[in-house]
Amino acid sequence: MKSSKSRFLFSIVFLSLSSCNIDEIPPEIVSDVRGWFTIESNNIGVNLAWSEVSDDDIDKYIIFKSTGNSIPQEIGETQSNYFKDNNVEWLESYQYFIRSVDDIGNESELTDSVLVRVYSASGNWELSDYDSTYLCIDHNQLISTSSGSFQQRGYFLTDGYELVINDDSNDSTFFVGDTIISKMLFSSCNLDSNTWAGNGWMTFQTTVLDTTILGDTVNITNNNFPVYFDMRLLDPQSGEIDFSSPLFEDLRLKHALQYCNGNDIFN
C-alpha cells in the first residue's frame, strides 16, 4: 500500500515539474557597441550606443566599466540602447562592457570592450607664442548660405581664422615701402576625430605702405603668399601647426579647457 502511494506522489511531482517550462537560455550578446566622448555644453561625458538584442523578452542592459587591467564594475542600467557616463576624468581611458538581461533574469555574457579616451580637440586652444590669443575648433559648425543655413557635422577650424603677427598701422614712424601689418589667414580645416589631424591652406598676407607716382597720396598694398599647413591636435599639451614653407615657424598650441565662447569646460 505504501509503495503505491509513493509511486503516486512521485508521478504527481514529475508531472508538475514537467509542466513547468523554465527558460534557462541566456539572451543574445549585445553587438555593435560604440563609444565616444563629448564636451558640448551641458553634455560632458562618454556616450555608449549599441544594436538592441532581437529577443522579445529583453528586460534591460547592464553597463560595466573598468580602467587598465581592473575588474569591470557595474555603473548603471538602461532599457534603451543608449547610456551616458558623466563620471569621467579628462585624458583618462575607460573600457566599457554591456550585458543583456531578460525578463526572468537570465544574463548574457559581457560584450567585448569598447575603449574610450576622455579627450576632444573641440574648444579653445592657446597659441603658446602669442599672449591671449586663441584658436577655436568648432564641433558641428553652423554654415550660413544665401539659401539658408545647415549644420556641418565634425570638428573644424572655421574658414577665415586670422592670426595677426604684427600690426603697426598706427605707428607714425613708418615710411613708404615698410610692412605695417602681417597676418595669417587660414582656410577651413576638417579634423579626423580619431587622429585629430587635418590640413588646409594658410595665406600669409602683408600690408605695405605705398604711394602714387607723384608721391602725393599714401596707400596700402596687400601681398598674399599661400602656404599648405598640417594641424595635429592629438596631444592637448602640445598641439602644432606646421607649414610646407621653411619661411614659417611651427605654431605651438595647448588646449585651454574652454569652450569657444570662453567658458570653462570643467568647472
C-alpha atoms as a PDB file:
ATOM      1  CA  MET A   1       0.000   0.000   0.000  1.00  0.00           C
ATOM      2  CA  LYS A   2       2.797   2.387   0.985  1.00  0.00           C
ATOM      3  CA  SER A   3       4.641   1.596  -2.238  1.00  0.00           C
ATOM      4  CA  SER A   4       1.590   2.532  -4.321  1.00  0.00           C
ATOM      5  CA  LYS A   5       1.230   5.859  -2.508  1.00  0.00           C
ATOM      6  CA  SER A   6       4.912   6.630  -3.062  1.00  0.00           C
ATOM      7  CA  ARG A   7       4.643   5.925  -6.763  1.00  0.00           C
ATOM      8  CA  PHE A   8       1.526   8.104  -6.922  1.00  0.00           C
ATOM      9  CA  LEU A   9       3.210  11.078  -5.200  1.00  0.00           C
ATOM     10  CA  PHE A  10       6.280  10.712  -7.402  1.00  0.00           C
ATOM     11  CA  SER A  11       4.081  10.770 -10.507  1.00  0.00           C
ATOM     12  CA  ILE A  12       2.393  13.986  -9.333  1.00  0.00           C
ATOM     13  CA  VAL A  13       5.739  15.697  -8.643  1.00  0.00           C
ATOM     14  CA  PHE A  14       7.119  14.546 -12.002  1.00  0.00           C
ATOM     15  CA  LEU A  15       4.072  15.815 -13.871  1.00  0.00           C
ATOM     16  CA  SER A  16       4.223  19.136 -12.015  1.00  0.00           C
ATOM     17  CA  LEU A  17       7.874  19.661 -12.853  1.00  0.00           C
ATOM     18  CA  SER A  18       7.491  18.587 -16.453  1.00  0.00           C
ATOM     19  CA  SER A  19       4.586  21.004 -16.920  1.00  0.00           C
ATOM     20  CA  CYS A  20       6.795  23.983 -15.887  1.00  0.00           C
ATOM     21  CA  ASN A  21       8.632  25.424 -18.880  1.00  0.00           C
ATOM     22  CA  ILE A  22      11.650  27.017 -17.146  1.00  0.00           C
ATOM     23  CA  ASP A  23      13.628  29.249 -19.546  1.00  0.00           C
ATOM     24  CA  GLU A  24      17.306  28.982 -18.722  1.00  0.00           C
ATOM     25  CA  ILE A  25      18.583  30.102 -22.116  1.00  0.00           C
ATOM     26  CA  PRO A  26      20.605  33.341 -21.794  1.00  0.00           C
ATOM     27  CA  PRO A  27      19.735  36.218 -24.135  1.00  0.00           C
ATOM     28  CA  GLU A  28      21.894  37.191 -27.081  1.00  0.00           C
ATOM     29  CA  ILE A  29      25.084  39.140 -26.539  1.00  0.00           C
ATOM     30  CA  VAL A  30      24.810  42.810 -27.472  1.00  0.00           C
ATOM     31  CA  SER A  31      26.518  43.729 -30.762  1.00  0.00           C
ATOM     32  CA  ASP A  32      27.877  46.833 -32.477  1.00  0.00           C
ATOM     33  CA  VAL A  33      28.853  48.646 -29.268  1.00  0.00           C
ATOM     34  CA  ARG A  34      30.078  52.200 -29.918  1.00  0.00           C
ATOM     35  CA  GLY A  35      31.515  54.788 -27.573  1.00  0.00           C
ATOM     36  CA  TRP A  36      32.542  58.434 -27.916  1.00  0.00           C
ATOM     37  CA  PHE A  37      33.313  61.405 -25.691  1.00  0.00           C
ATOM     38  CA  THR A  38      31.632  64.802 -25.998  1.00  0.00           C
ATOM     39  CA  ILE A  39      32.379  68.125 -24.313  1.00  0.00           C
ATOM     40  CA  GLU A  40      29.464  70.097 -25.677  1.00  0.00           C
ATOM     41  CA  SER A  41      27.831  72.485 -23.222  1.00  0.00           C
ATOM     42  CA  ASN A  42      25.704  70.531 -20.708  1.00  0.00           C
ATOM     43  CA  ASN A  43      26.734  67.303 -22.449  1.00  0.00           C
ATOM     44  CA  ILE A  44      30.078  66.275 -20.959  1.00  0.00           C
ATOM     45  CA  GLY A  45      30.693  62.540 -20.743  1.00  0.00           C
ATOM     46  CA  VAL A  46      31.103  59.229 -22.534  1.00  0.00           C
ATOM     47  CA  ASN A  47      28.215  58.191 -24.778  1.00  0.00           C
ATOM     48  CA  LEU A  48      27.532  54.494 -25.405  1.00  0.00           C
ATOM     49  CA  ALA A  49      25.209  53.021 -28.030  1.00  0.00           C
ATOM     50  CA  TRP A  50      24.630  49.520 -29.394  1.00  0.00           C
ATOM     51  CA  SER A  51      22.292  47.411 -31.511  1.00  0.00           C
ATOM     52  CA  GLU A  52      19.337  46.149 -29.499  1.00  0.00           C
ATOM     53  CA  VAL A  53      19.028  42.409 -28.923  1.00  0.00           C
ATOM     54  CA  SER A  54      16.240  40.891 -31.042  1.00  0.00           C
ATOM     55  CA  ASP A  55      14.825  38.730 -28.199  1.00  0.00           C
ATOM     56  CA  ASP A  56      11.266  39.773 -27.285  1.00  0.00           C
ATOM     57  CA  ASP A  57      11.780  39.179 -23.567  1.00  0.00           C
ATOM     58  CA  ILE A  58      14.759  41.503 -23.029  1.00  0.00           C
ATOM     59  CA  ASP A  59      14.243  43.486 -19.820  1.00  0.00           C
ATOM     60  CA  LYS A  60      17.334  45.682 -19.563  1.00  0.00           C
ATOM     61  CA  TYR A  61      21.007  46.213 -20.315  1.00  0.00           C
ATOM     62  CA  ILE A  62      23.651  46.478 -17.601  1.00  0.00           C
ATOM     63  CA  ILE A  63      26.723  48.634 -18.207  1.00  0.00           C
ATOM     64  CA  PHE A  64      30.153  47.830 -16.789  1.00  0.00           C
ATOM     65  CA  LYS A  65      33.292  49.968 -16.744  1.00  0.00           C
ATOM     66  CA  SER A  66      36.976  49.434 -15.997  1.00  0.00           C
ATOM     67  CA  THR A  67      40.321  51.190 -16.272  1.00  0.00           C
ATOM     68  CA  GLY A  68      43.588  49.479 -17.137  1.00  0.00           C
ATOM     69  CA  ASN A  69      43.508  45.828 -16.087  1.00  0.00           C
ATOM     70  CA  SER A  70      40.966  46.298 -13.292  1.00  0.00           C
ATOM     71  CA  ILE A  71      37.844  44.132 -12.964  1.00  0.00           C
ATOM     72  CA  PRO A  72      34.807  45.682 -14.709  1.00  0.00           C
ATOM     73  CA  GLN A  73      32.378  47.281 -12.259  1.00  0.00           C
ATOM     74  CA  GLU A  74      28.667  47.809 -12.812  1.00  0.00           C
ATOM     75  CA  ILE A  75      27.883  51.523 -13.234  1.00  0.00           C
ATOM     76  CA  GLY A  76      24.265  51.527 -14.336  1.00  0.00           C
ATOM     77  CA  GLU A  77      21.489  50.013 -16.396  1.00  0.00           C
ATOM     78  CA  THR A  78      19.027  51.085 -19.055  1.00  0.00           C
ATOM     79  CA  GLN A  79      16.111  49.688 -21.033  1.00  0.00           C
ATOM     80  CA  SER A  80      17.152  51.518 -24.193  1.00  0.00           C
ATOM     81  CA  ASN A  81      20.208  51.023 -26.398  1.00  0.00           C
ATOM     82  CA  TYR A  82      21.940  54.182 -25.149  1.00  0.00           C
ATOM     83  CA  PHE A  83      23.770  55.131 -21.945  1.00  0.00           C
ATOM     84  CA  LYS A  84      25.660  58.243 -20.800  1.00  0.00           C
ATOM     85  CA  ASP A  85      28.523  58.076 -18.284  1.00  0.00           C
ATOM     86  CA  ASN A  86      29.153  61.507 -16.751  1.00  0.00           C
ATOM     87  CA  ASN A  87      31.597  60.273 -14.117  1.00  0.00           C
ATOM     88  CA  VAL A  88      34.767  60.669 -16.171  1.00  0.00           C
ATOM     89  CA  GLU A  89      38.167  62.354 -15.859  1.00  0.00           C
ATOM     90  CA  TRP A  90      39.968  64.358 -18.553  1.00  0.00           C
ATOM     91  CA  LEU A  91      42.528  62.301 -20.530  1.00  0.00           C
ATOM     92  CA  GLU A  92      41.582  59.046 -18.763  1.00  0.00           C
ATOM     93  CA  SER A  93      40.797  55.950 -20.869  1.00  0.00           C
ATOM     94  CA  TYR A  94      37.900  53.653 -19.958  1.00  0.00           C
ATOM     95  CA  GLN A  95      36.767  50.231 -21.130  1.00  0.00           C
ATOM     96  CA  TYR A  96      33.024  49.621 -21.314  1.00  0.00           C
ATOM     97  CA  PHE A  97      31.084  46.344 -21.472  1.00  0.00           C
ATOM     98  CA  ILE A  98      27.355  45.648 -21.925  1.00  0.00           C
ATOM     99  CA  ARG A  99      25.294  42.715 -20.649  1.00  0.00           C
ATOM    100  CA  SER A 100      21.710  41.957 -21.708  1.00  0.00           C
ATOM    101  CA  VAL A 101      19.181  40.587 -19.193  1.00  0.00           C
ATOM    102  CA  ASP A 102      15.787  39.016 -19.967  1.00  0.00           C
ATOM    103  CA  ASP A 103      12.514  39.161 -18.004  1.00  0.00           C
ATOM    104  CA  ILE A 104      13.328  36.050 -15.971  1.00  0.00           C
ATOM    105  CA  GLY A 105      16.795  37.282 -15.040  1.00  0.00           C
ATOM    106  CA  ASN A 106      18.905  35.254 -17.438  1.00  0.00           C
ATOM    107  CA  GLU A 107      22.067  37.184 -18.293  1.00  0.00           C
ATOM    108  CA  SER A 108      24.209  37.145 -21.406  1.00  0.00           C
ATOM    109  CA  GLU A 109      27.971  37.130 -21.429  1.00  0.00           C
ATOM    110  CA  LEU A 110      29.690  40.501 -21.388  1.00  0.00           C
ATOM    111  CA  THR A 111      30.385  42.085 -24.744  1.00  0.00           C
ATOM    112  CA  ASP A 112      33.897  42.738 -25.933  1.00  0.00           C
ATOM    113  CA  SER A 113      35.164  46.000 -24.505  1.00  0.00           C
ATOM    114  CA  VAL A 114      34.960  49.346 -26.258  1.00  0.00           C
ATOM    115  CA  LEU A 115      37.771  51.724 -25.310  1.00  0.00           C
ATOM    116  CA  VAL A 116      37.029  55.448 -24.982  1.00  0.00           C
ATOM    117  CA  ARG A 117      39.549  58.182 -24.213  1.00  0.00           C
ATOM    118  CA  VAL A 118      38.172  61.222 -22.431  1.00  0.00           C
ATOM    119  CA  TYR A 119      39.520  63.776 -24.870  1.00  0.00           C
ATOM    120  CA  SER A 120      38.265  66.005 -27.646  1.00  0.00           C
ATOM    121  CA  ALA A 121      40.021  68.755 -29.585  1.00  0.00           C
ATOM    122  CA  SER A 122      36.808  70.782 -29.547  1.00  0.00           C
ATOM    123  CA  GLY A 123      37.088  74.189 -27.875  1.00  0.00           C
ATOM    124  CA  ASN A 124      39.677  76.924 -27.491  1.00  0.00           C
ATOM    125  CA  TRP A 125      43.400  76.381 -27.977  1.00  0.00           C
ATOM    126  CA  GLU A 126      46.044  78.780 -26.678  1.00  0.00           C
ATOM    127  CA  LEU A 127      48.808  79.779 -29.078  1.00  0.00           C
ATOM    128  CA  SER A 128      51.913  79.463 -26.919  1.00  0.00           C
ATOM    129  CA  ASP A 129      53.893  82.253 -28.601  1.00  0.00           C
ATOM    130  CA  TYR A 130      51.032  84.768 -28.673  1.00  0.00           C
ATOM    131  CA  ASP A 131      49.587  86.202 -25.459  1.00  0.00           C
ATOM    132  CA  SER A 132      45.813  85.966 -25.002  1.00  0.00           C
ATOM    133  CA  THR A 133      45.382  84.533 -28.487  1.00  0.00           C
ATOM    134  CA  TYR A 134      43.103  81.558 -29.101  1.00  0.00           C
ATOM    135  CA  LEU A 135      42.191  79.267 -31.951  1.00  0.00           C
ATOM    136  CA  CYS A 136      38.724  77.695 -31.874  1.00  0.00           C
ATOM    137  CA  ILE A 137      37.902  74.164 -33.010  1.00  0.00           C
ATOM    138  CA  ASP A 138      34.161  74.015 -33.662  1.00  0.00           C
ATOM    139  CA  HIS A 139      32.032  70.882 -33.341  1.00  0.00           C
ATOM    140  CA  ASN A 140      29.142  70.541 -35.797  1.00  0.00           C
ATOM    141  CA  GLN A 141      29.543  74.095 -37.041  1.00  0.00           C
ATOM    142  CA  LEU A 142      26.627  76.058 -38.464  1.00  0.00           C
ATOM    143  CA  ILE A 143      27.165  77.097 -42.085  1.00  0.00           C
ATOM    144  CA  SER A 144      25.189  80.031 -43.499  1.00  0.00           C
ATOM    145  CA  THR A 145      24.493  80.306 -47.224  1.00  0.00           C
ATOM    146  CA  SER A 146      22.370  82.538 -49.424  1.00  0.00           C
ATOM    147  CA  SER A 147      19.633  79.896 -49.405  1.00  0.00           C
ATOM    148  CA  GLY A 148      19.706  79.246 -45.661  1.00  0.00           C
ATOM    149  CA  SER A 149      21.879  77.548 -43.060  1.00  0.00           C
ATOM    150  CA  PHE A 150      22.833  73.970 -42.263  1.00  0.00           C
ATOM    151  CA  GLN A 151      24.897  72.139 -39.662  1.00  0.00           C
ATOM    152  CA  GLN A 152      28.147  70.606 -40.871  1.00  0.00           C
ATOM    153  CA  ARG A 153      28.962  67.634 -38.662  1.00  0.00           C
ATOM    154  CA  GLY A 154      32.504  67.070 -37.462  1.00  0.00           C
ATOM    155  CA  TYR A 155      35.354  69.089 -35.967  1.00  0.00           C
ATOM    156  CA  PHE A 156      36.585  72.161 -37.813  1.00  0.00           C
ATOM    157  CA  LEU A 157      38.852  75.141 -37.803  1.00  0.00           C
ATOM    158  CA  THR A 158      36.406  77.646 -39.252  1.00  0.00           C
ATOM    159  CA  ASP A 159      37.252  79.191 -42.595  1.00  0.00           C
ATOM    160  CA  GLY A 160      38.671  82.704 -42.284  1.00  0.00           C
ATOM    161  CA  TYR A 161      40.503  82.392 -38.958  1.00  0.00           C
ATOM    162  CA  GLU A 162      43.105  85.182 -38.713  1.00  0.00           C
ATOM    163  CA  LEU A 163      46.313  85.219 -36.699  1.00  0.00           C
ATOM    164  CA  VAL A 164      47.818  88.707 -36.583  1.00  0.00           C
ATOM    165  CA  ILE A 165      51.614  88.512 -36.442  1.00  0.00           C
ATOM    166  CA  ASN A 166      52.138  92.255 -36.098  1.00  0.00           C
ATOM    167  CA  ASP A 167      50.090  95.408 -36.569  1.00  0.00           C
ATOM    168  CA  ASP A 168      51.938  98.716 -36.752  1.00  0.00           C
ATOM    169  CA  SER A 169      49.284 100.541 -38.742  1.00  0.00           C
ATOM    170  CA  ASN A 170      49.103 103.301 -36.118  1.00  0.00           C
ATOM    171  CA  ASP A 171      52.866 103.829 -35.938  1.00  0.00           C
ATOM    172  CA  SER A 172      53.664 107.226 -37.461  1.00  0.00           C
ATOM    173  CA  THR A 173      57.395 106.461 -37.821  1.00  0.00           C
ATOM    174  CA  PHE A 174      56.932 104.022 -40.708  1.00  0.00           C
ATOM    175  CA  PHE A 175      57.797 105.022 -44.262  1.00  0.00           C
ATOM    176  CA  VAL A 176      56.629 104.114 -47.753  1.00  0.00           C
ATOM    177  CA  GLY A 177      57.678 100.552 -48.526  1.00  0.00           C
ATOM    178  CA  ASP A 178      57.537  99.393 -44.907  1.00  0.00           C
ATOM    179  CA  THR A 179      55.362  96.434 -43.896  1.00  0.00           C
ATOM    180  CA  ILE A 180      52.866  97.682 -41.352  1.00  0.00           C
ATOM    181  CA  ILE A 181      50.654  94.588 -40.939  1.00  0.00           C
ATOM    182  CA  SER A 182      51.331  90.886 -41.379  1.00  0.00           C
ATOM    183  CA  LYS A 183      48.878  88.109 -40.609  1.00  0.00           C
ATOM    184  CA  MET A 184      47.989  84.512 -41.373  1.00  0.00           C
ATOM    185  CA  LEU A 185      44.614  83.742 -42.956  1.00  0.00           C
ATOM    186  CA  PHE A 186      43.533  80.113 -42.581  1.00  0.00           C
ATOM    187  CA  SER A 187      41.144  78.098 -44.714  1.00  0.00           C
ATOM    188  CA  SER A 188      38.682  75.683 -43.159  1.00  0.00           C
ATOM    189  CA  CYS A 189      40.345  72.565 -41.729  1.00  0.00           C
ATOM    190  CA  ASN A 190      38.391  69.370 -41.060  1.00  0.00           C
ATOM    191  CA  LEU A 191      39.896  67.267 -38.235  1.00  0.00           C
ATOM    192  CA  ASP A 192      39.694  63.474 -38.152  1.00  0.00           C
ATOM    193  CA  SER A 193      38.178  62.568 -34.748  1.00  0.00           C
ATOM    194  CA  ASN A 194      40.446  59.508 -34.401  1.00  0.00           C
ATOM    195  CA  THR A 195      43.818  61.065 -35.209  1.00  0.00           C
ATOM    196  CA  TRP A 196      42.818  64.698 -34.525  1.00  0.00           C
ATOM    197  CA  ALA A 197      44.764  65.746 -37.610  1.00  0.00           C
ATOM    198  CA  GLY A 198      43.812  67.849 -40.607  1.00  0.00           C
ATOM    199  CA  ASN A 199      45.224  70.175 -43.229  1.00  0.00           C
ATOM    200  CA  GLY A 200      44.440  73.199 -45.347  1.00  0.00           C
ATOM    201  CA  TRP A 201      45.831  76.423 -46.747  1.00  0.00           C
ATOM    202  CA  MET A 202      47.268  79.422 -44.952  1.00  0.00           C
ATOM    203  CA  THR A 203      47.616  82.697 -46.828  1.00  0.00           C
ATOM    204  CA  PHE A 204      50.324  84.944 -45.416  1.00  0.00           C
ATOM    205  CA  GLN A 205      49.187  88.488 -46.022  1.00  0.00           C
ATOM    206  CA  THR A 206      51.403  91.551 -45.664  1.00  0.00           C
ATOM    207  CA  THR A 207      50.233  95.132 -45.870  1.00  0.00           C
ATOM    208  CA  VAL A 208      52.798  97.607 -47.201  1.00  0.00           C
ATOM    209  CA  LEU A 209      52.754 101.398 -47.275  1.00  0.00           C
ATOM    210  CA  ASP A 210      52.660 102.517 -50.883  1.00  0.00           C
ATOM    211  CA  THR A 211      52.379 105.807 -52.732  1.00  0.00           C
ATOM    212  CA  THR A 212      51.355 107.187 -56.098  1.00  0.00           C
ATOM    213  CA  ILE A 213      53.890 108.111 -58.785  1.00  0.00           C
ATOM    214  CA  LEU A 214      53.676 111.761 -57.798  1.00  0.00           C
ATOM    215  CA  GLY A 215      54.027 110.885 -54.145  1.00  0.00           C
ATOM    216  CA  ASP A 216      51.010 112.913 -53.153  1.00  0.00           C
ATOM    217  CA  THR A 217      48.925 110.038 -51.743  1.00  0.00           C
ATOM    218  CA  VAL A 218      49.882 107.204 -49.395  1.00  0.00           C
ATOM    219  CA  ASN A 219      48.066 103.910 -49.998  1.00  0.00           C
ATOM    220  CA  ILE A 220      48.420 100.370 -48.721  1.00  0.00           C
ATOM    221  CA  THR A 221      49.074  97.260 -50.793  1.00  0.00           C
ATOM    222  CA  ASN A 222      48.278  93.691 -49.721  1.00  0.00           C
ATOM    223  CA  ASN A 223      50.601  90.874 -50.785  1.00  0.00           C
ATOM    224  CA  ASN A 224      49.351  87.286 -50.439  1.00  0.00           C
ATOM    225  CA  PHE A 225      51.536  84.193 -50.157  1.00  0.00           C
ATOM    226  CA  PRO A 226      49.614  80.847 -49.957  1.00  0.00           C
ATOM    227  CA  VAL A 227      51.201  78.001 -47.963  1.00  0.00           C
ATOM    228  CA  TYR A 228      49.966  74.470 -47.188  1.00  0.00           C
ATOM    229  CA  PHE A 229      49.644  73.538 -43.486  1.00  0.00           C
ATOM    230  CA  ASP A 230      49.150  70.431 -41.342  1.00  0.00           C
ATOM    231  CA  MET A 231      47.387  70.596 -37.990  1.00  0.00           C
ATOM    232  CA  ARG A 232      47.887  67.950 -35.285  1.00  0.00           C
ATOM    233  CA  LEU A 233      45.911  68.160 -32.043  1.00  0.00           C
ATOM    234  CA  LEU A 234      46.171  64.615 -30.672  1.00  0.00           C
ATOM    235  CA  ASP A 235      48.066  65.817 -27.583  1.00  0.00           C
ATOM    236  CA  PRO A 236      46.238  68.601 -25.688  1.00  0.00           C
ATOM    237  CA  GLN A 237      49.516  69.815 -24.206  1.00  0.00           C
ATOM    238  CA  SER A 238      51.487  70.038 -27.435  1.00  0.00           C
ATOM    239  CA  GLY A 239      49.305  70.635 -30.468  1.00  0.00           C
ATOM    240  CA  GLU A 240      51.005  72.058 -33.522  1.00  0.00           C
ATOM    241  CA  ILE A 241      50.517  73.592 -36.934  1.00  0.00           C
ATOM    242  CA  ASP A 242      53.406  73.251 -39.356  1.00  0.00           C
ATOM    243  CA  PHE A 243      53.808  74.767 -42.795  1.00  0.00           C
ATOM    244  CA  SER A 244      55.124  73.496 -46.110  1.00  0.00           C
ATOM    245  CA  SER A 245      57.424  76.515 -46.443  1.00  0.00           C
ATOM    246  CA  PRO A 246      60.554  76.848 -44.255  1.00  0.00           C
ATOM    247  CA  LEU A 247      59.869  80.586 -44.107  1.00  0.00           C
ATOM    248  CA  PHE A 248      57.326  79.980 -41.346  1.00  0.00           C
ATOM    249  CA  GLU A 249      57.949  78.500 -37.913  1.00  0.00           C
ATOM    250  CA  ASP A 250      55.587  75.930 -36.458  1.00  0.00           C
ATOM    251  CA  LEU A 251      52.771  77.196 -34.272  1.00  0.00           C
ATOM    252  CA  ARG A 252      52.549  75.546 -30.849  1.00  0.00           C
ATOM    253  CA  LEU A 253      49.148  75.104 -29.210  1.00  0.00           C
ATOM    254  CA  LYS A 254      47.742  73.959 -25.870  1.00  0.00           C
ATOM    255  CA  HIS A 255      44.122  73.087 -25.100  1.00  0.00           C
ATOM    256  CA  ALA A 256      42.708  75.849 -22.883  1.00  0.00           C
ATOM    257  CA  LEU A 257      39.904  73.619 -21.485  1.00  0.00           C
ATOM    258  CA  GLN A 258      37.440  76.252 -22.626  1.00  0.00           C
ATOM    259  CA  TYR A 259      34.502  76.265 -24.964  1.00  0.00           C
ATOM    260  CA  CYS A 260      34.839  78.539 -27.972  1.00  0.00           C
ATOM    261  CA  ASN A 261      32.793  81.166 -26.104  1.00  0.00           C
ATOM    262  CA  GLY A 262      35.461  81.321 -23.375  1.00  0.00           C
ATOM    263  CA  ASN A 263      33.537  79.436 -20.668  1.00  0.00           C
ATOM    264  CA  ASP A 264      35.424  76.727 -18.765  1.00  0.00           C
ATOM    265  CA  ILE A 265      34.639  73.152 -19.797  1.00  0.00           C
ATOM    266  CA  PHE A 266      35.250  71.718 -16.321  1.00  0.00           C
ATOM    267  CA  ASN A 267      34.054  73.981 -13.503  1.00  0.00           C
END
